[in-house]
Amino acid sequence: MTGVNCFPVILSSPSGGGKTTIARALLAQRRDLGYSVSCTTREPRKGEVDGVDYFFLTADEFDFAARRGDFAEWAFVHGQRYGTLKREVERVLSSGKHVIMDIDVQGARQFAEVFERSALIFLLPPSADVLVERLRGRRSEAREALIRRLETAIEEFKAVSMYHYIVVNDRLEIAVARVSSIIDAEASRRERRTDGADAKVGALIEQLQLEIRKQQEIG
């Protein structure tokens, strides 16, 4: 993408907060976004494809990659390991696209230390009742698992202050539009630009100063 330095966009939320749904919607809408496929040790869910939804690794494979320093971030989440490969992130960025990922709070904190130019966005549910209903709606949550996810959500909410932006995911289409606007705004930030914006500003100032002198001479 001409004139813009690509950067990672991190979406975080508790389970049921909509981060994966919003990431997929943005990927379908925007040609300037790419997806970094994460790794996990959990079993694939129905319809998930290895190398597309996740790289599904054994615990030993995951641990070996972690010791080798392959991950930009990794964490235990609900008893399973999840991680983002540095090479996957670099692959997307080098293709001229921002990389968008949905990762949890633990991972976002680690990731931002490796990729300091990341834009961090936290998605809030409109209410606690809505979050609980979303989790129950999956119908894959045993009572103990539901309690564990809710306890994790409480801890994740406590980390909101580390994020640059907060978006309430009440209506999906509105939340998607808000995140998309954030990406556009971030791409226009002066410190992200690589098209010589500062030099252009300097040239404009010089030209205007010259015009002022001309006008003064006429007067």
Protein backbone atom coordinates (compact mmCIF):
# COMPACT_ATOMS: atom_id res chain seq x y z
CA MET A 1 0.00 0.00 0.00
CA THR A 2 1.55 3.17 -1.20
CA GLY A 3 2.65 5.68 1.41
CA VAL A 4 1.54 3.74 4.46
CA ASN A 5 3.63 1.54 6.69
CA CYS A 6 1.69 -1.63 7.44
CA PHE A 7 1.01 -2.48 11.08
CA PRO A 8 -0.71 -5.16 13.16
CA VAL A 9 -4.28 -4.63 14.36
CA ILE A 10 -5.07 -6.61 17.51
CA LEU A 11 -8.67 -7.35 18.50
CA SER A 12 -9.19 -8.64 22.04
CA SER A 13 -12.30 -9.50 24.00
CA PRO A 14 -13.48 -12.16 26.40
CA SER A 15 -14.78 -15.35 24.82
CA GLY A 16 -18.12 -14.47 23.27
CA GLY A 17 -17.08 -10.86 22.73
CA GLY A 18 -17.07 -11.14 18.95
CA LYS A 19 -13.40 -10.64 18.10
CA THR A 20 -13.23 -13.52 15.62
CA THR A 21 -16.50 -12.56 13.93
CA ILE A 22 -15.42 -8.94 13.52
CA ALA A 23 -11.97 -9.91 12.25
CA ARG A 24 -13.55 -12.14 9.60
CA ALA A 25 -16.00 -9.43 8.57
CA LEU A 26 -13.20 -6.91 8.12
CA LEU A 27 -11.13 -9.37 6.13
CA ALA A 28 -14.08 -9.85 3.79
CA GLN A 29 -14.58 -6.09 3.38
CA ARG A 30 -11.06 -4.71 3.17
CA ARG A 31 -8.38 -5.65 0.67
CA ASP A 32 -5.68 -3.99 2.78
CA LEU A 33 -5.99 -6.58 5.57
CA GLY A 34 -4.42 -9.99 5.91
CA TYR A 35 -4.79 -12.67 8.57
CA SER A 36 -2.05 -14.32 10.58
CA VAL A 37 -3.03 -17.92 11.31
CA SER A 38 -2.43 -18.78 14.96
CA CYS A 39 -1.34 -22.04 16.55
CA THR A 40 -3.25 -24.01 19.17
CA THR A 41 -3.10 -27.32 20.98
CA ARG A 42 -6.89 -27.67 21.25
CA GLU A 43 -8.79 -30.06 19.05
CA PRO A 44 -10.36 -28.66 15.85
CA ARG A 45 -14.01 -27.76 16.09
CA LYS A 46 -16.46 -28.90 13.45
CA GLY A 47 -15.66 -27.24 10.13
CA GLU A 48 -12.24 -25.89 11.16
CA VAL A 49 -9.36 -26.53 8.77
CA ASP A 50 -5.70 -26.88 9.75
CA GLY A 51 -3.62 -24.04 8.33
CA VAL A 52 -6.73 -21.93 7.69
CA ASP A 53 -8.46 -21.47 11.05
CA TYR A 54 -5.44 -22.53 13.12
CA PHE A 55 -2.28 -24.54 12.92
CA PHE A 56 -3.29 -27.44 15.16
CA LEU A 57 -0.19 -28.64 17.03
CA THR A 58 0.48 -31.27 19.63
CA ALA A 59 1.65 -30.06 23.05
CA ASP A 60 5.20 -31.25 22.27
CA GLU A 61 5.24 -29.45 18.91
CA PHE A 62 3.99 -26.25 20.50
CA ASP A 63 6.53 -26.39 23.33
CA PHE A 64 9.38 -26.95 20.89
CA ALA A 65 8.34 -23.90 18.84
CA ALA A 66 8.09 -21.81 22.02
CA ARG A 67 11.58 -22.80 23.18
CA ARG A 68 12.92 -21.94 19.73
CA GLY A 69 11.47 -18.43 20.01
CA ASP A 70 9.06 -18.81 17.11
CA PHE A 71 6.16 -17.04 18.79
CA ALA A 72 5.46 -13.32 19.05
CA GLU A 73 3.11 -14.32 21.86
CA TRP A 74 1.67 -17.43 23.38
CA ALA A 75 -0.41 -18.30 26.41
CA PHE A 76 -2.49 -20.91 28.17
CA VAL A 77 -6.16 -20.15 27.59
CA HIS A 78 -8.83 -22.38 29.12
CA GLY A 79 -6.30 -25.17 29.55
CA GLN A 80 -4.94 -25.03 25.98
CA ARG A 81 -1.93 -23.30 24.40
CA TYR A 82 -2.45 -20.58 21.80
CA GLY A 83 0.29 -18.67 19.99
CA THR A 84 1.11 -16.33 17.10
CA LEU A 85 4.08 -17.14 14.91
CA LYS A 86 6.42 -14.24 14.17
CA ARG A 87 6.92 -15.48 10.63
CA GLU A 88 3.17 -15.45 9.97
CA VAL A 89 2.93 -11.81 11.04
CA GLU A 90 5.93 -10.84 8.93
CA ARG A 91 4.49 -12.73 5.95
CA VAL A 92 1.33 -10.62 5.97
CA LEU A 93 3.10 -7.31 6.62
CA SER A 94 5.63 -7.94 3.86
CA SER A 95 2.75 -8.54 1.42
CA GLY A 96 1.74 -4.89 1.83
CA LYS A 97 -1.20 -5.49 4.15
CA HIS A 98 -2.03 -4.72 7.75
CA VAL A 99 -2.28 -7.91 9.76
CA ILE A 100 -5.44 -8.33 11.81
CA MET A 101 -5.60 -10.84 14.63
CA ASP A 102 -7.97 -11.83 17.39
CA ILE A 103 -5.95 -12.68 20.48
CA ASP A 104 -6.53 -12.56 24.21
CA VAL A 105 -5.20 -10.04 26.71
CA GLN A 106 -2.18 -12.11 27.71
CA GLY A 107 -1.17 -12.48 24.09
CA ALA A 108 -1.79 -8.84 23.21
CA ARG A 109 0.56 -7.69 25.97
CA GLN A 110 3.37 -9.95 24.75
CA PHE A 111 2.72 -9.19 21.10
CA ALA A 112 2.89 -5.42 21.57
CA GLU A 113 6.36 -5.80 23.06
CA VAL A 114 7.56 -7.58 19.90
CA PHE A 115 5.59 -5.48 17.37
CA GLU A 116 5.55 -2.06 19.01
CA ARG A 117 3.59 -0.37 16.20
CA SER A 118 0.49 -2.46 16.86
CA ALA A 119 -2.94 -0.87 17.22
CA LEU A 120 -4.73 -2.48 20.18
CA ILE A 121 -8.54 -2.58 20.19
CA PHE A 122 -10.67 -4.07 22.97
CA LEU A 123 -14.21 -5.19 22.19
CA LEU A 124 -16.73 -4.87 25.00
CA PRO A 125 -20.08 -6.68 25.16
CA PRO A 126 -23.02 -4.32 25.70
CA SER A 127 -23.78 -6.02 29.03
CA ALA A 128 -22.85 -8.97 31.23
CA ASP A 129 -26.17 -10.65 30.37
CA VAL A 130 -25.40 -10.48 26.67
CA LEU A 131 -21.96 -12.00 27.20
CA VAL A 132 -23.38 -14.88 29.21
CA GLU A 133 -26.07 -15.51 26.59
CA ARG A 134 -23.49 -15.53 23.80
CA LEU A 135 -21.47 -18.16 25.64
CA ARG A 136 -24.53 -20.26 26.38
CA GLY A 137 -25.58 -19.94 22.75
CA ARG A 138 -22.54 -21.91 21.67
CA ARG A 139 -24.03 -24.98 23.39
CA SER A 140 -20.53 -26.38 23.72
CA GLU A 141 -20.00 -25.00 27.23
CA ALA A 142 -20.23 -27.32 30.21
CA ARG A 143 -21.13 -25.54 33.43
CA GLU A 144 -17.54 -25.69 34.70
CA ALA A 145 -16.20 -24.35 31.40
CA LEU A 146 -18.71 -21.51 31.44
CA ILE A 147 -17.65 -20.51 34.95
CA ARG A 148 -13.99 -20.62 33.91
CA ARG A 149 -14.63 -18.37 30.91
CA LEU A 150 -16.54 -15.87 33.01
CA GLU A 151 -13.75 -15.75 35.57
CA THR A 152 -11.26 -15.17 32.76
CA ALA A 153 -13.46 -12.39 31.37
CA ILE A 154 -13.28 -10.54 34.69
CA GLU A 155 -9.47 -10.60 34.59
CA GLU A 156 -9.45 -9.50 30.94
CA PHE A 157 -11.71 -6.52 31.67
CA LYS A 158 -9.15 -5.36 34.24
CA ALA A 159 -6.56 -5.01 31.44
CA VAL A 160 -8.60 -2.64 29.25
CA SER A 161 -6.34 0.30 30.12
CA MET A 162 -3.49 -1.13 28.03
CA TYR A 163 -5.57 -0.83 24.84
CA HIS A 164 -5.60 2.19 22.54
CA TYR A 165 -9.28 1.87 21.62
CA ILE A 166 -12.50 0.42 23.07
CA VAL A 167 -15.43 -0.58 20.85
CA VAL A 168 -18.75 -1.81 22.24
CA ASN A 169 -19.97 -4.76 20.18
CA ASP A 170 -23.72 -4.25 20.46
CA ARG A 171 -24.72 -4.35 16.79
CA LEU A 172 -22.22 -6.26 14.68
CA GLU A 173 -22.33 -4.03 11.59
CA ILE A 174 -21.75 -0.91 13.68
CA ALA A 175 -18.86 -2.48 15.58
CA VAL A 176 -17.25 -3.58 12.31
CA ALA A 177 -17.58 -0.06 10.90
CA ARG A 178 -16.03 1.47 14.02
CA VAL A 179 -13.04 -0.86 13.94
CA SER A 180 -12.62 -0.16 10.22
CA SER A 181 -12.59 3.59 10.94
CA ILE A 182 -9.92 3.06 13.59
CA ILE A 183 -7.71 1.26 11.06
CA ASP A 184 -8.11 4.15 8.62
CA ALA A 185 -7.27 6.69 11.32
CA GLU A 186 -4.22 4.73 12.45
CA ALA A 187 -2.94 4.49 8.88
CA SER A 188 -3.07 8.29 8.64
CA ARG A 189 -1.10 8.94 11.82
CA ARG A 190 1.95 11.01 10.99
CA GLU A 191 4.44 8.69 12.68
CA ARG A 192 3.21 5.74 10.61
CA ARG A 193 3.59 7.44 7.25
CA THR A 194 6.52 6.64 4.98
CA ASP A 195 5.65 8.89 2.04
CA GLY A 196 7.71 11.90 3.13
CA ALA A 197 4.77 13.72 4.70
CA ASP A 198 7.06 15.86 6.88
CA ALA A 199 9.07 16.92 3.85
CA LYS A 200 5.88 17.84 2.01
CA VAL A 201 4.74 19.97 4.94
CA GLY A 202 8.12 21.71 4.97
CA ALA A 203 7.85 22.44 1.25
CA LEU A 204 4.35 23.86 1.69
CA ILE A 205 5.56 26.17 4.45
CA GLU A 206 8.42 27.43 2.29
CA GLN A 207 6.06 28.10 -0.62
CA LEU A 208 3.61 29.98 1.59
CA GLN A 209 6.39 32.04 3.14
CA LEU A 210 7.55 32.94 -0.36
CA GLU A 211 4.01 33.97 -1.28
CA ILE A 212 3.80 36.14 1.84
CA ARG A 213 7.02 37.94 0.85
CA LYS A 214 5.65 38.48 -2.66
CA GLN A 215 2.46 39.97 -1.29
CA GLN A 216 4.39 42.20 1.08
CA GLU A 217 6.55 43.45 -1.79
CA ILE A 218 3.45 44.25 -3.83
CA GLY A 219 2.00 46.21 -0.94
